[in-house]
Amino acid sequence: MNRILGYDIEDMRKNKENVDTPEQKRSVRRTKAALRNGLIELMKTRSILRISVKEICDAADIGRSTFYIHYKSQYELLEEIETDCLIVFEEKLHMNQPLRKFNDREITQKFEKMLQFIADNSNSIQTLLNENGDIFFQRKFIHRLINYIKSAKNHYADNSLKDETSECYSVFVVHGAIALVQHWLNNGMHIPVSDLAKMLVILTREMRK
């Protein structure tokens, strides 16, 4: 069963709720996890624009008054899921650390971390990136990957490509990688993470020449 996306960063940010005891904190985590799961399940078949707070509460088996203790609207709940996704994703790839030249083994390890994170949260990630997901989040997600790959490319390879050509390569690789990952998710993650990571390295090798 998938982990609840975002709850491995609970210690990284200050909780908005005023809770003191460990049991209260556990109760908040359980409630928010149920609400997140409820929304994700509903978004498998329709967009957030067609989902009400009542439907989320019914799916989570939680009262509306409890919902409003934690969130102002269904949009705030979705935004929190998306924000946590980006934070954890960047942490897994160490996007905020100084870049340097990487060899193929290190690049493969980075892809493995990315794919393992997606596999651990496949239910949430697949939903956030499908046709019912928030287009603005998807653009932000893709934009960050493009910028990361474009920046990393300048550190792990010597090349003389013009900036606009380099960006085109980065856009091509990111969109192709996302399409491949979506195919992987839609087919039940039929390829082992390590094998798919090696495949991604091979497919992107030409960009690094």
Protein backbone atom coordinates (compact mmCIF):
# COMPACT_ATOMS: atom_id res chain seq x y z
CA MET A 1 0.00 0.00 0.00
CA ASN A 2 1.28 3.44 -0.89
CA ARG A 3 2.58 5.80 1.74
CA ILE A 4 0.63 8.99 2.27
CA LEU A 5 2.40 11.52 0.12
CA GLY A 6 3.97 14.29 2.13
CA TYR A 7 4.02 12.73 5.57
CA ASP A 8 7.74 12.01 5.46
CA ILE A 9 8.24 15.78 5.69
CA GLU A 10 6.01 16.38 8.70
CA ASP A 11 9.13 17.03 10.77
CA MET A 12 10.41 19.48 8.15
CA ARG A 13 7.70 22.04 8.59
CA LYS A 14 5.77 23.52 11.47
CA ASN A 15 2.35 22.00 11.97
CA LYS A 16 -0.44 24.54 11.67
CA GLU A 17 -2.56 22.85 14.30
CA ASN A 18 -2.01 23.57 17.99
CA VAL A 19 -1.43 20.04 19.24
CA ASP A 20 0.66 19.04 22.22
CA THR A 21 0.53 15.36 23.00
CA PRO A 22 1.85 12.53 20.80
CA GLU A 23 -1.66 11.09 20.58
CA GLN A 24 -3.06 14.41 19.33
CA LYS A 25 -0.32 14.58 16.72
CA ARG A 26 -1.04 11.03 15.60
CA SER A 27 -4.73 11.88 15.38
CA VAL A 28 -4.00 14.89 13.17
CA ARG A 29 -1.78 12.78 10.89
CA ARG A 30 -4.44 10.09 10.59
CA THR A 31 -7.15 12.64 9.82
CA LYS A 32 -5.10 14.45 7.20
CA ALA A 33 -3.98 11.16 5.66
CA ALA A 34 -7.60 10.04 5.33
CA LEU A 35 -8.59 13.35 3.73
CA ARG A 36 -5.67 13.20 1.33
CA ASN A 37 -6.50 9.64 0.33
CA GLY A 38 -10.15 10.57 -0.09
CA LEU A 39 -9.32 13.42 -2.44
CA ILE A 40 -6.79 11.38 -4.43
CA GLU A 41 -9.34 8.60 -4.95
CA LEU A 42 -11.96 11.08 -6.17
CA MET A 43 -9.47 12.74 -8.53
CA LYS A 44 -8.92 9.47 -10.32
CA THR A 45 -12.22 10.04 -12.12
CA ARG A 46 -12.78 13.82 -12.09
CA SER A 47 -11.04 17.11 -11.57
CA ILE A 48 -10.91 19.12 -8.35
CA LEU A 49 -13.40 21.56 -9.89
CA ARG A 50 -16.07 18.85 -9.70
CA ILE A 51 -15.28 17.60 -6.19
CA SER A 52 -16.94 19.03 -3.09
CA VAL A 53 -15.78 19.09 0.52
CA LYS A 54 -18.72 16.88 1.43
CA GLU A 55 -17.61 14.21 -1.07
CA ILE A 56 -14.07 14.27 0.32
CA CYS A 57 -15.40 13.91 3.87
CA ASP A 58 -17.68 11.05 2.83
CA ALA A 59 -14.78 9.27 1.11
CA ALA A 60 -12.58 9.77 4.18
CA ASP A 61 -15.40 9.01 6.66
CA ILE A 62 -14.65 12.27 8.46
CA GLY A 63 -17.05 15.04 9.46
CA ARG A 64 -17.06 18.37 7.65
CA SER A 65 -16.43 20.26 10.87
CA THR A 66 -13.20 18.26 11.29
CA PHE A 67 -12.21 19.02 7.71
CA TYR A 68 -12.52 22.76 8.32
CA ILE A 69 -10.26 22.54 11.36
CA HIS A 70 -7.43 21.69 8.99
CA TYR A 71 -8.36 23.22 5.64
CA LYS A 72 -10.39 26.13 4.30
CA SER A 73 -11.39 24.32 1.11
CA GLN A 74 -10.74 21.30 -1.10
CA TYR A 75 -8.30 23.50 -3.05
CA GLU A 76 -6.16 24.13 0.01
CA LEU A 77 -6.03 20.38 0.66
CA LEU A 78 -4.89 19.74 -2.91
CA GLU A 79 -2.33 22.53 -2.72
CA GLU A 80 -0.82 20.98 0.42
CA ILE A 81 -0.52 17.60 -1.31
CA GLU A 82 1.13 19.22 -4.33
CA THR A 83 3.51 21.31 -2.22
CA ASP A 84 4.60 18.29 -0.20
CA CYS A 85 5.13 16.35 -3.42
CA LEU A 86 7.51 18.98 -4.79
CA ILE A 87 9.39 19.40 -1.50
CA VAL A 88 9.98 15.69 -0.99
CA PHE A 89 10.80 15.15 -4.67
CA GLU A 90 13.45 17.88 -4.60
CA GLU A 91 14.86 16.51 -1.36
CA LYS A 92 15.11 13.00 -2.82
CA LEU A 93 17.04 14.31 -5.83
CA HIS A 94 19.06 16.77 -3.73
CA MET A 95 18.00 19.50 -6.14
CA ASN A 96 18.98 22.21 -3.70
CA GLN A 97 22.58 21.05 -3.32
CA PRO A 98 25.44 22.44 -5.44
CA LEU A 99 25.77 20.62 -8.73
CA ARG A 100 28.94 18.95 -9.98
CA LYS A 101 29.97 16.55 -12.71
CA PHE A 102 28.22 13.18 -12.42
CA ASN A 103 29.22 9.87 -13.94
CA ASP A 104 26.68 7.38 -15.31
CA ARG A 105 26.57 5.41 -12.07
CA GLU A 106 25.70 8.52 -10.05
CA ILE A 107 23.12 9.63 -12.60
CA THR A 108 21.55 6.17 -12.50
CA GLN A 109 21.36 6.41 -8.70
CA LYS A 110 19.56 9.74 -9.00
CA PHE A 111 17.04 8.23 -11.40
CA GLU A 112 16.58 5.30 -9.02
CA LYS A 113 15.80 7.67 -6.15
CA MET A 114 13.31 9.54 -8.29
CA LEU A 115 11.62 6.34 -9.48
CA GLN A 116 11.55 4.82 -5.99
CA PHE A 117 9.85 7.95 -4.67
CA ILE A 118 7.28 7.70 -7.47
CA ALA A 119 6.81 3.97 -6.80
CA ASP A 120 6.32 4.55 -3.07
CA ASN A 121 3.69 7.20 -3.85
CA SER A 122 2.41 5.85 -7.16
CA ASN A 123 -1.25 6.29 -6.25
CA SER A 124 -0.80 9.99 -5.52
CA ILE A 125 1.73 10.77 -8.24
CA GLN A 126 -0.27 9.03 -10.96
CA THR A 127 -3.34 11.00 -9.97
CA LEU A 128 -1.56 14.36 -9.75
CA LEU A 129 -0.10 13.89 -13.23
CA ASN A 130 -3.19 12.51 -14.96
CA GLU A 131 -5.75 14.45 -16.98
CA ASN A 132 -7.72 15.30 -13.82
CA GLY A 133 -4.71 16.80 -12.08
CA ASP A 134 -4.05 20.49 -11.65
CA ILE A 135 -2.44 21.77 -14.87
CA PHE A 136 -0.58 24.49 -12.97
CA PHE A 137 1.03 21.91 -10.68
CA GLN A 138 1.98 19.75 -13.66
CA ARG A 139 3.59 22.72 -15.38
CA LYS A 140 5.50 23.61 -12.20
CA PHE A 141 6.62 20.00 -11.76
CA ILE A 142 7.83 19.76 -15.36
CA HIS A 143 9.43 23.22 -15.26
CA ARG A 144 11.48 22.33 -12.18
CA LEU A 145 12.67 19.11 -13.78
CA ILE A 146 13.64 20.93 -16.97
CA ASN A 147 15.62 23.54 -15.05
CA TYR A 148 17.30 20.87 -12.95
CA ILE A 149 18.33 18.77 -15.95
CA LYS A 150 19.47 21.83 -17.87
CA SER A 151 21.60 22.99 -14.94
CA ALA A 152 22.96 19.53 -14.17
CA LYS A 153 23.85 19.01 -17.81
CA ASN A 154 26.32 21.89 -17.65
CA HIS A 155 28.06 20.20 -14.71
CA TYR A 156 28.25 16.56 -15.72
CA ALA A 157 29.21 17.05 -19.36
CA ASP A 158 31.41 19.15 -21.57
CA ASN A 159 29.43 20.48 -24.49
CA SER A 160 29.25 23.42 -26.81
CA LEU A 161 25.50 23.55 -27.40
CA LYS A 162 23.88 26.93 -27.53
CA ASP A 163 21.57 27.78 -24.63
CA GLU A 164 18.40 27.52 -26.72
CA THR A 165 19.48 24.15 -28.13
CA SER A 166 20.35 22.89 -24.66
CA GLU A 167 16.94 23.94 -23.37
CA CYS A 168 15.21 22.14 -26.25
CA TYR A 169 17.09 18.95 -25.37
CA SER A 170 16.09 19.34 -21.72
CA VAL A 171 12.42 19.88 -22.60
CA PHE A 172 12.49 16.85 -24.90
CA VAL A 173 14.11 14.61 -22.30
CA VAL A 174 11.83 15.67 -19.43
CA HIS A 175 8.60 15.24 -21.38
CA GLY A 176 9.80 11.94 -22.76
CA ALA A 177 10.83 10.72 -19.31
CA ILE A 178 7.47 11.72 -17.82
CA ALA A 179 5.63 9.90 -20.63
CA LEU A 180 7.74 6.81 -19.98
CA VAL A 181 7.07 6.99 -16.23
CA GLN A 182 3.33 7.39 -16.86
CA HIS A 183 3.46 4.32 -19.12
CA TRP A 184 5.33 2.48 -16.35
CA LEU A 185 2.70 3.46 -13.77
CA ASN A 186 -0.20 2.56 -16.06
CA ASN A 187 1.27 -0.90 -16.53
CA GLY A 188 1.62 -1.65 -12.86
CA MET A 189 5.33 -0.71 -12.60
CA HIS A 190 6.16 -3.83 -14.59
CA ILE A 191 9.83 -2.87 -14.99
CA PRO A 192 12.09 -2.96 -11.89
CA VAL A 193 13.19 0.46 -10.66
CA SER A 194 16.88 -0.29 -11.29
CA ASP A 195 16.20 -1.41 -14.89
CA LEU A 196 14.05 1.62 -15.68
CA ALA A 197 16.68 3.94 -14.22
CA LYS A 198 19.34 2.42 -16.50
CA MET A 199 16.96 2.79 -19.43
CA LEU A 200 16.49 6.49 -18.68
CA VAL A 201 20.27 7.00 -18.54
CA ILE A 202 20.68 5.32 -21.92
CA LEU A 203 17.88 7.39 -23.45
CA THR A 204 19.34 10.65 -22.15
CA ARG A 205 22.98 9.87 -22.97
CA GLU A 206 22.81 11.51 -26.37
CA MET A 207 21.80 14.78 -24.73
CA ARG A 208 25.01 14.79 -22.71
CA LYS A 209 27.35 14.42 -25.68
